Amino acid sequence: MNSEEWEQRVTALWADDTLDDQQRIDRMKILARNAPHPAIGAFELGGAFDSGGDEAEADVHYTAATMAGLDTVDPDRAAQMVVQHASTLRNIGRINEAIAMLRDAPDHPTTGAAPKVFLALALHSAGRPDEALRVAIEAVEPTLPRYNRSVSAYAKALTEH
């Protein structure tokens, strides 16, 4: 199967609401073996495990995708994986790793403000609510039609003690 057909099958698999988590994982395992690149297959398989609630297994595949060079093979998926992998790390208690990953997340059109939103969640999980709120406000501020200067000042004041 060529890359375009593989991508179509992956898209269809994610869109199929009739599948339960295990069916999606089982089908993704097959697709991952036939991926155009091992990093892409590992990313998609990690996503299937993540979506299915098996974060520990998702971490294994996300790490494999990183090691296989996902950032050079597919920058769009790599940007998405930062959010997904960091969220997984937060869920399995590796909060400081999640925070570090999200702080270093690149700006990318496929993720928009999502890295900052997930950073806010990780900071909250780490018991840093003022910093979490500041990050969340700063993520939203650029979308406001007005009050930007005030909102920015209030956000900044949250962590200036």
N, C-alpha and C. Protein backbone atom coordinates (compact mmCIF):
# COMPACT_ATOMS: atom_id res chain seq x y z
N MET A 1 0.85 -1.17 0.00
CA MET A 1 0.00 0.00 0.00
C MET A 1 0.90 1.23 0.00
N ASN A 2 0.49 2.23 -0.77
CA ASN A 2 1.27 3.46 -0.83
C ASN A 2 0.94 4.37 0.35
N SER A 3 1.71 5.45 0.48
CA SER A 3 1.55 6.36 1.62
C SER A 3 0.17 6.99 1.68
N GLU A 4 -0.34 7.39 0.53
CA GLU A 4 -1.65 8.04 0.49
C GLU A 4 -2.75 7.07 0.96
N GLU A 5 -2.68 5.85 0.51
CA GLU A 5 -3.67 4.85 0.92
C GLU A 5 -3.54 4.56 2.42
N TRP A 6 -2.31 4.49 2.90
CA TRP A 6 -2.08 4.25 4.33
C TRP A 6 -2.69 5.38 5.15
N GLU A 7 -2.43 6.62 4.74
CA GLU A 7 -2.98 7.78 5.45
C GLU A 7 -4.51 7.74 5.46
N GLN A 8 -5.11 7.36 4.35
CA GLN A 8 -6.57 7.26 4.27
C GLN A 8 -7.09 6.20 5.25
N ARG A 9 -6.39 5.10 5.34
CA ARG A 9 -6.82 4.04 6.27
C ARG A 9 -6.70 4.48 7.73
N VAL A 10 -5.63 5.21 8.04
CA VAL A 10 -5.46 5.72 9.40
C VAL A 10 -6.57 6.72 9.73
N THR A 11 -6.84 7.61 8.81
CA THR A 11 -7.92 8.60 9.00
C THR A 11 -9.25 7.91 9.21
N ALA A 12 -9.53 6.90 8.40
CA ALA A 12 -10.79 6.16 8.51
C ALA A 12 -10.87 5.42 9.84
N LEU A 13 -9.75 4.86 10.29
CA LEU A 13 -9.73 4.15 11.56
C LEU A 13 -10.06 5.09 12.71
N TRP A 14 -9.45 6.26 12.72
CA TRP A 14 -9.73 7.24 13.78
C TRP A 14 -11.16 7.73 13.73
N ALA A 15 -11.75 7.77 12.55
CA ALA A 15 -13.12 8.29 12.39
C ALA A 15 -14.19 7.24 12.69
N ASP A 16 -13.81 5.98 12.79
CA ASP A 16 -14.78 4.89 12.97
C ASP A 16 -15.23 4.79 14.43
N ASP A 17 -16.40 5.35 14.71
CA ASP A 17 -16.93 5.35 16.08
C ASP A 17 -17.57 4.03 16.48
N THR A 18 -17.61 3.07 15.57
CA THR A 18 -18.20 1.78 15.91
C THR A 18 -17.20 0.86 16.61
N LEU A 19 -15.93 1.23 16.59
CA LEU A 19 -14.89 0.40 17.19
C LEU A 19 -14.72 0.71 18.67
N ASP A 20 -14.44 -0.33 19.44
CA ASP A 20 -14.07 -0.08 20.83
C ASP A 20 -12.55 0.14 20.87
N ASP A 21 -12.06 0.50 22.04
CA ASP A 21 -10.64 0.83 22.17
C ASP A 21 -9.72 -0.31 21.73
N GLN A 22 -10.04 -1.54 22.14
CA GLN A 22 -9.17 -2.66 21.80
C GLN A 22 -9.19 -2.96 20.31
N GLN A 23 -10.34 -2.84 19.69
CA GLN A 23 -10.41 -3.04 18.23
C GLN A 23 -9.57 -2.00 17.51
N ARG A 24 -9.65 -0.75 17.96
CA ARG A 24 -8.85 0.31 17.34
C ARG A 24 -7.36 0.02 17.51
N ILE A 25 -6.97 -0.39 18.70
CA ILE A 25 -5.56 -0.71 18.94
C ILE A 25 -5.12 -1.86 18.05
N ASP A 26 -5.91 -2.92 17.98
CA ASP A 26 -5.55 -4.08 17.17
C ASP A 26 -5.39 -3.71 15.69
N ARG A 27 -6.30 -2.91 15.20
CA ARG A 27 -6.22 -2.50 13.79
C ARG A 27 -5.05 -1.55 13.56
N MET A 28 -4.78 -0.70 14.55
CA MET A 28 -3.66 0.22 14.40
C MET A 28 -2.33 -0.53 14.43
N LYS A 29 -2.25 -1.61 15.18
CA LYS A 29 -1.02 -2.41 15.19
C LYS A 29 -0.69 -2.87 13.77
N ILE A 30 -1.69 -3.30 13.04
CA ILE A 30 -1.49 -3.76 11.66
C ILE A 30 -1.05 -2.60 10.77
N LEU A 31 -1.75 -1.48 10.90
CA LEU A 31 -1.38 -0.32 10.10
C LEU A 31 0.02 0.18 10.45
N ALA A 32 0.36 0.18 11.73
CA ALA A 32 1.68 0.66 12.16
C ALA A 32 2.80 -0.17 11.54
N ARG A 33 2.58 -1.46 11.40
CA ARG A 33 3.61 -2.32 10.78
C ARG A 33 3.83 -1.97 9.31
N ASN A 34 2.81 -1.39 8.67
CA ASN A 34 2.88 -1.06 7.25
C ASN A 34 3.03 0.44 7.00
N ALA A 35 3.39 1.18 8.04
CA ALA A 35 3.49 2.64 7.93
C ALA A 35 4.60 3.02 6.95
N PRO A 36 4.46 4.20 6.34
CA PRO A 36 5.49 4.66 5.42
C PRO A 36 6.85 4.87 6.08
N HIS A 37 6.85 5.04 7.40
CA HIS A 37 8.09 5.17 8.17
C HIS A 37 7.81 4.65 9.59
N PRO A 38 8.78 3.97 10.21
CA PRO A 38 8.56 3.44 11.56
C PRO A 38 8.14 4.50 12.58
N ALA A 39 8.67 5.72 12.45
CA ALA A 39 8.32 6.78 13.40
C ALA A 39 6.84 7.13 13.31
N ILE A 40 6.31 7.15 12.11
CA ILE A 40 4.90 7.48 11.91
C ILE A 40 4.02 6.37 12.47
N GLY A 41 4.40 5.14 12.21
CA GLY A 41 3.65 4.00 12.75
C GLY A 41 3.66 4.00 14.26
N ALA A 42 4.80 4.28 14.86
CA ALA A 42 4.90 4.30 16.32
C ALA A 42 4.04 5.42 16.90
N PHE A 43 4.03 6.58 16.26
CA PHE A 43 3.21 7.69 16.72
C PHE A 43 1.73 7.30 16.70
N GLU A 44 1.26 6.78 15.59
CA GLU A 44 -0.15 6.43 15.48
C GLU A 44 -0.54 5.32 16.46
N LEU A 45 0.35 4.36 16.65
CA LEU A 45 0.07 3.28 17.60
C LEU A 45 0.06 3.84 19.02
N GLY A 46 0.97 4.74 19.32
CA GLY A 46 0.96 5.40 20.63
C GLY A 46 -0.35 6.12 20.85
N GLY A 47 -0.84 6.79 19.83
CA GLY A 47 -2.11 7.48 19.93
C GLY A 47 -3.27 6.54 20.19
N ALA A 48 -3.24 5.37 19.57
CA ALA A 48 -4.30 4.39 19.79
C ALA A 48 -4.29 3.90 21.24
N PHE A 49 -3.12 3.60 21.75
CA PHE A 49 -3.03 3.18 23.16
C PHE A 49 -3.45 4.32 24.09
N ASP A 50 -3.01 5.52 23.77
CA ASP A 50 -3.35 6.69 24.56
C ASP A 50 -4.87 6.88 24.58
N SER A 51 -5.47 6.85 23.43
CA SER A 51 -6.92 7.00 23.31
C SER A 51 -7.66 5.89 24.05
N GLY A 52 -7.05 4.72 24.09
CA GLY A 52 -7.65 3.57 24.77
C GLY A 52 -7.40 3.54 26.26
N GLY A 53 -6.68 4.53 26.79
CA GLY A 53 -6.46 4.61 28.23
C GLY A 53 -5.25 3.86 28.74
N ASP A 54 -4.42 3.34 27.85
CA ASP A 54 -3.21 2.62 28.27
C ASP A 54 -2.01 3.56 28.08
N GLU A 55 -1.89 4.51 29.00
CA GLU A 55 -0.86 5.53 28.87
C GLU A 55 0.56 4.96 28.95
N ALA A 56 0.75 3.93 29.76
CA ALA A 56 2.09 3.36 29.89
C ALA A 56 2.55 2.79 28.54
N GLU A 57 1.67 2.12 27.85
CA GLU A 57 2.02 1.57 26.54
C GLU A 57 2.15 2.69 25.51
N ALA A 58 1.31 3.71 25.62
CA ALA A 58 1.42 4.86 24.72
C ALA A 58 2.80 5.50 24.85
N ASP A 59 3.27 5.65 26.09
CA ASP A 59 4.59 6.23 26.33
C ASP A 59 5.68 5.47 25.59
N VAL A 60 5.60 4.15 25.60
CA VAL A 60 6.59 3.31 24.91
C VAL A 60 6.63 3.66 23.42
N HIS A 61 5.46 3.79 22.81
CA HIS A 61 5.40 4.04 21.37
C HIS A 61 5.73 5.48 21.02
N TYR A 62 5.31 6.42 21.86
CA TYR A 62 5.69 7.82 21.62
C TYR A 62 7.21 7.97 21.70
N THR A 63 7.82 7.32 22.68
CA THR A 63 9.27 7.38 22.81
C THR A 63 9.94 6.76 21.58
N ALA A 64 9.40 5.64 21.11
CA ALA A 64 9.94 5.00 19.90
C ALA A 64 9.82 5.92 18.69
N ALA A 65 8.70 6.64 18.59
CA ALA A 65 8.52 7.57 17.47
C ALA A 65 9.56 8.68 17.52
N THR A 66 9.83 9.17 18.71
CA THR A 66 10.85 10.21 18.87
C THR A 66 12.22 9.68 18.47
N MET A 67 12.55 8.49 18.97
CA MET A 67 13.85 7.90 18.68
C MET A 67 14.02 7.58 17.19
N ALA A 68 12.91 7.29 16.51
CA ALA A 68 12.96 6.97 15.08
C ALA A 68 12.97 8.22 14.20
N GLY A 69 12.94 9.41 14.82
CA GLY A 69 13.09 10.64 14.06
C GLY A 69 11.80 11.25 13.53
N LEU A 70 10.72 11.13 14.29
CA LEU A 70 9.45 11.69 13.82
C LEU A 70 9.55 13.17 13.48
N ASP A 71 10.35 13.91 14.24
CA ASP A 71 10.46 15.36 14.00
C ASP A 71 10.98 15.68 12.61
N THR A 72 11.81 14.84 12.04
CA THR A 72 12.32 15.09 10.69
C THR A 72 11.45 14.44 9.62
N VAL A 73 10.80 13.35 9.95
CA VAL A 73 9.97 12.62 8.99
C VAL A 73 8.61 13.29 8.78
N ASP A 74 8.01 13.76 9.89
CA ASP A 74 6.66 14.34 9.81
C ASP A 74 6.51 15.41 10.89
N PRO A 75 6.92 16.64 10.59
CA PRO A 75 6.86 17.71 11.59
C PRO A 75 5.46 17.98 12.14
N ASP A 76 4.42 17.78 11.33
CA ASP A 76 3.06 17.98 11.83
C ASP A 76 2.74 16.98 12.93
N ARG A 77 3.00 15.72 12.68
CA ARG A 77 2.75 14.70 13.69
C ARG A 77 3.67 14.91 14.90
N ALA A 78 4.89 15.34 14.67
CA ALA A 78 5.82 15.57 15.79
C ALA A 78 5.28 16.65 16.72
N ALA A 79 4.72 17.70 16.15
CA ALA A 79 4.14 18.77 16.98
C ALA A 79 2.96 18.24 17.78
N GLN A 80 2.15 17.43 17.15
CA GLN A 80 1.01 16.83 17.85
C GLN A 80 1.48 15.87 18.93
N MET A 81 2.55 15.15 18.64
CA MET A 81 3.03 14.17 19.61
C MET A 81 3.54 14.84 20.89
N VAL A 82 4.10 16.03 20.79
CA VAL A 82 4.55 16.72 22.00
C VAL A 82 3.36 16.87 22.96
N VAL A 83 2.24 17.31 22.44
CA VAL A 83 1.04 17.49 23.27
C VAL A 83 0.57 16.15 23.81
N GLN A 84 0.45 15.18 22.93
CA GLN A 84 -0.07 13.87 23.33
C GLN A 84 0.86 13.17 24.32
N HIS A 85 2.15 13.17 24.03
CA HIS A 85 3.10 12.48 24.91
C HIS A 85 3.17 13.17 26.27
N ALA A 86 3.22 14.50 26.26
CA ALA A 86 3.26 15.22 27.54
C ALA A 86 2.01 14.96 28.36
N SER A 87 0.86 14.92 27.71
CA SER A 87 -0.38 14.61 28.43
C SER A 87 -0.32 13.21 29.03
N THR A 88 0.23 12.28 28.28
CA THR A 88 0.40 10.91 28.77
C THR A 88 1.34 10.90 29.98
N LEU A 89 2.46 11.61 29.88
CA LEU A 89 3.40 11.66 30.99
C LEU A 89 2.74 12.23 32.24
N ARG A 90 1.95 13.26 32.07
CA ARG A 90 1.22 13.85 33.21
C ARG A 90 0.29 12.81 33.83
N ASN A 91 -0.40 12.07 32.97
CA ASN A 91 -1.36 11.07 33.47
C ASN A 91 -0.70 9.90 34.18
N ILE A 92 0.56 9.63 33.87
CA ILE A 92 1.24 8.52 34.56
C ILE A 92 2.15 9.02 35.68
N GLY A 93 1.99 10.31 36.03
CA GLY A 93 2.70 10.84 37.18
C GLY A 93 4.08 11.42 36.91
N ARG A 94 4.47 11.51 35.66
CA ARG A 94 5.77 12.07 35.31
C ARG A 94 5.57 13.55 34.93
N ILE A 95 5.06 14.29 35.89
CA ILE A 95 4.59 15.65 35.66
C ILE A 95 5.73 16.60 35.28
N ASN A 96 6.86 16.50 35.94
CA ASN A 96 7.97 17.41 35.61
C ASN A 96 8.47 17.19 34.19
N GLU A 97 8.48 15.94 33.72
CA GLU A 97 8.85 15.67 32.33
C GLU A 97 7.84 16.29 31.38
N ALA A 98 6.57 16.18 31.74
CA ALA A 98 5.51 16.77 30.91
C ALA A 98 5.68 18.28 30.82
N ILE A 99 5.95 18.91 31.96
CA ILE A 99 6.14 20.36 31.98
C ILE A 99 7.31 20.77 31.09
N ALA A 100 8.42 20.07 31.23
CA ALA A 100 9.60 20.39 30.43
C ALA A 100 9.30 20.22 28.94
N MET A 101 8.63 19.16 28.58
CA MET A 101 8.32 18.89 27.19
C MET A 101 7.42 19.99 26.62
N LEU A 102 6.43 20.38 27.39
CA LEU A 102 5.49 21.40 26.92
C LEU A 102 6.10 22.79 26.88
N ARG A 103 7.00 23.09 27.80
CA ARG A 103 7.68 24.39 27.77
C ARG A 103 8.52 24.52 26.49
N ASP A 104 9.06 23.40 26.02
CA ASP A 104 9.90 23.40 24.83
C ASP A 104 9.11 23.15 23.54
N ALA A 105 7.78 23.01 23.65
CA ALA A 105 6.97 22.69 22.47
C ALA A 105 7.08 23.79 21.43
N PRO A 106 7.27 23.40 20.18
CA PRO A 106 7.37 24.41 19.13
C PRO A 106 5.98 24.98 18.80
N ASP A 107 5.97 26.23 18.36
CA ASP A 107 4.73 26.79 17.82
C ASP A 107 4.46 26.07 16.50
N HIS A 108 3.24 25.61 16.32
CA HIS A 108 2.92 24.88 15.10
C HIS A 108 1.44 25.04 14.80
N PRO A 109 1.10 25.22 13.54
CA PRO A 109 -0.32 25.42 13.20
C PRO A 109 -1.21 24.22 13.51
N THR A 110 -0.66 23.02 13.57
CA THR A 110 -1.51 21.86 13.86
C THR A 110 -1.89 21.75 15.33
N THR A 111 -1.20 22.50 16.18
CA THR A 111 -1.52 22.42 17.61
C THR A 111 -2.01 23.73 18.19
N GLY A 112 -1.76 24.84 17.54
CA GLY A 112 -2.22 26.13 18.04
C GLY A 112 -1.78 26.36 19.47
N ALA A 113 -2.74 26.72 20.33
CA ALA A 113 -2.44 27.00 21.74
C ALA A 113 -2.47 25.74 22.60
N ALA A 114 -2.72 24.58 22.01
CA ALA A 114 -2.83 23.34 22.79
C ALA A 114 -1.63 23.08 23.70
N PRO A 115 -0.38 23.27 23.26
CA PRO A 115 0.72 23.03 24.19
C PRO A 115 0.62 23.88 25.46
N LYS A 116 0.18 25.12 25.33
CA LYS A 116 0.05 25.98 26.51
C LYS A 116 -1.10 25.52 27.40
N VAL A 117 -2.18 25.08 26.81
CA VAL A 117 -3.31 24.57 27.59
C VAL A 117 -2.88 23.33 28.38
N PHE A 118 -2.17 22.43 27.72
CA PHE A 118 -1.72 21.23 28.40
C PHE A 118 -0.63 21.54 29.42
N LEU A 119 0.17 22.56 29.15
CA LEU A 119 1.16 23.01 30.14
C LEU A 119 0.43 23.51 31.38
N ALA A 120 -0.63 24.28 31.19
CA ALA A 120 -1.41 24.77 32.34
C ALA A 120 -1.94 23.60 33.15
N LEU A 121 -2.43 22.57 32.48
CA LEU A 121 -2.93 21.38 33.20
C LEU A 121 -1.81 20.70 33.98
N ALA A 122 -0.64 20.58 33.35
CA ALA A 122 0.49 19.93 34.03
C ALA A 122 0.96 20.76 35.23
N LEU A 123 1.00 22.07 35.07
CA LEU A 123 1.39 22.92 36.20
C LEU A 123 0.38 22.81 37.34
N HIS A 124 -0.87 22.74 36.99
CA HIS A 124 -1.90 22.56 38.02
C HIS A 124 -1.69 21.23 38.74
N SER A 125 -1.43 20.18 37.98
CA SER A 125 -1.17 18.86 38.58
C SER A 125 0.05 18.88 39.48
N ALA A 126 1.00 19.76 39.16
CA ALA A 126 2.23 19.87 39.95
C ALA A 126 2.03 20.75 41.18
N GLY A 127 0.80 21.22 41.40
CA GLY A 127 0.54 22.05 42.56
C GLY A 127 0.99 23.49 42.40
N ARG A 128 1.01 23.94 41.15
CA ARG A 128 1.43 25.31 40.86
C ARG A 128 0.28 26.07 40.20
N PRO A 129 -0.82 26.29 40.95
CA PRO A 129 -2.03 26.84 40.33
C PRO A 129 -1.89 28.27 39.80
N ASP A 130 -1.11 29.12 40.46
CA ASP A 130 -0.95 30.49 39.97
C ASP A 130 -0.23 30.50 38.62
N GLU A 131 0.80 29.70 38.53
CA GLU A 131 1.54 29.60 37.26
C GLU A 131 0.66 28.98 36.18
N ALA A 132 -0.13 27.98 36.57
CA ALA A 132 -1.04 27.33 35.62
C ALA A 132 -2.05 28.32 35.07
N LEU A 133 -2.64 29.11 35.95
CA LEU A 133 -3.61 30.10 35.51
C LEU A 133 -2.96 31.15 34.62
N ARG A 134 -1.76 31.56 34.96
CA ARG A 134 -1.06 32.54 34.12
C ARG A 134 -0.85 31.99 32.71
N VAL A 135 -0.38 30.75 32.61
CA VAL A 135 -0.14 30.14 31.30
C VAL A 135 -1.45 30.05 30.51
N ALA A 136 -2.52 29.65 31.18
CA ALA A 136 -3.82 29.53 30.50
C ALA A 136 -4.30 30.89 30.00
N ILE A 137 -4.18 31.91 30.85
CA ILE A 137 -4.60 33.26 30.44
C ILE A 137 -3.74 33.75 29.28
N GLU A 138 -2.45 33.52 29.36
CA GLU A 138 -1.56 33.97 28.29
C GLU A 138 -1.83 33.22 26.97
N ALA A 139 -2.34 32.01 27.06
CA ALA A 139 -2.70 31.27 25.85
C ALA A 139 -3.93 31.85 25.18
N VAL A 140 -4.83 32.38 25.98
CA VAL A 140 -6.09 32.93 25.46
C VAL A 140 -5.94 34.40 25.06
N GLU A 141 -5.10 35.12 25.73
CA GLU A 141 -4.99 36.58 25.54
C GLU A 141 -4.89 37.01 24.07
N PRO A 142 -4.08 36.35 23.24
CA PRO A 142 -3.99 36.82 21.84
C PRO A 142 -5.31 36.73 21.06
N THR A 143 -6.23 35.95 21.54
CA THR A 143 -7.50 35.79 20.82
C THR A 143 -8.55 36.82 21.24
N LEU A 144 -8.26 37.59 22.26
CA LEU A 144 -9.22 38.57 22.76
C LEU A 144 -9.31 39.78 21.82
N PRO A 145 -10.50 40.28 21.56
CA PRO A 145 -10.62 41.44 20.70
C PRO A 145 -10.21 42.74 21.39
N ARG A 146 -10.18 42.75 22.72
CA ARG A 146 -9.75 43.93 23.49
C ARG A 146 -9.35 43.48 24.89
N TYR A 147 -8.92 44.40 25.70
CA TYR A 147 -8.49 44.17 27.08
C TYR A 147 -7.16 43.43 27.16
N ASN A 148 -6.44 43.35 26.08
CA ASN A 148 -5.21 42.58 26.05
C ASN A 148 -4.17 43.07 27.05
N ARG A 149 -3.97 44.37 27.11
CA ARG A 149 -2.97 44.91 28.04
C ARG A 149 -3.34 44.60 29.48
N SER A 150 -4.60 44.78 29.84
CA SER A 150 -5.04 44.49 31.21
C SER A 150 -4.90 43.01 31.53
N VAL A 151 -5.36 42.17 30.61
CA VAL A 151 -5.29 40.72 30.84
C VAL A 151 -3.83 40.28 30.98
N SER A 152 -2.96 40.81 30.15
CA SER A 152 -1.53 40.46 30.25
C SER A 152 -0.95 40.88 31.59
N ALA A 153 -1.31 42.05 32.04
CA ALA A 153 -0.80 42.53 33.33
C ALA A 153 -1.32 41.68 34.48
N TYR A 154 -2.60 41.33 34.44
CA TYR A 154 -3.16 40.46 35.49
C TYR A 154 -2.50 39.09 35.50
N ALA A 155 -2.26 38.55 34.32
CA ALA A 155 -1.60 37.24 34.22
C ALA A 155 -0.20 37.30 34.81
N LYS A 156 0.53 38.33 34.45
CA LYS A 156 1.90 38.49 34.94
C LYS A 156 1.93 38.62 36.46
N ALA A 157 0.96 39.34 37.00
CA ALA A 157 0.89 39.56 38.46
C ALA A 157 0.65 38.27 39.24
N LEU A 158 0.10 37.27 38.59
CA LEU A 158 -0.17 36.00 39.28
C LEU A 158 1.09 35.34 39.81
N THR A 159 2.19 35.54 39.12
CA THR A 159 3.43 34.85 39.54
C THR A 159 4.52 35.80 40.01
N GLU A 160 4.19 37.06 40.18
CA GLU A 160 5.17 38.01 40.71
C GLU A 160 4.85 38.23 42.19
N HIS A 161 5.55 37.53 43.01
CA HIS A 161 5.28 37.62 44.45
C HIS A 161 6.33 38.42 45.15
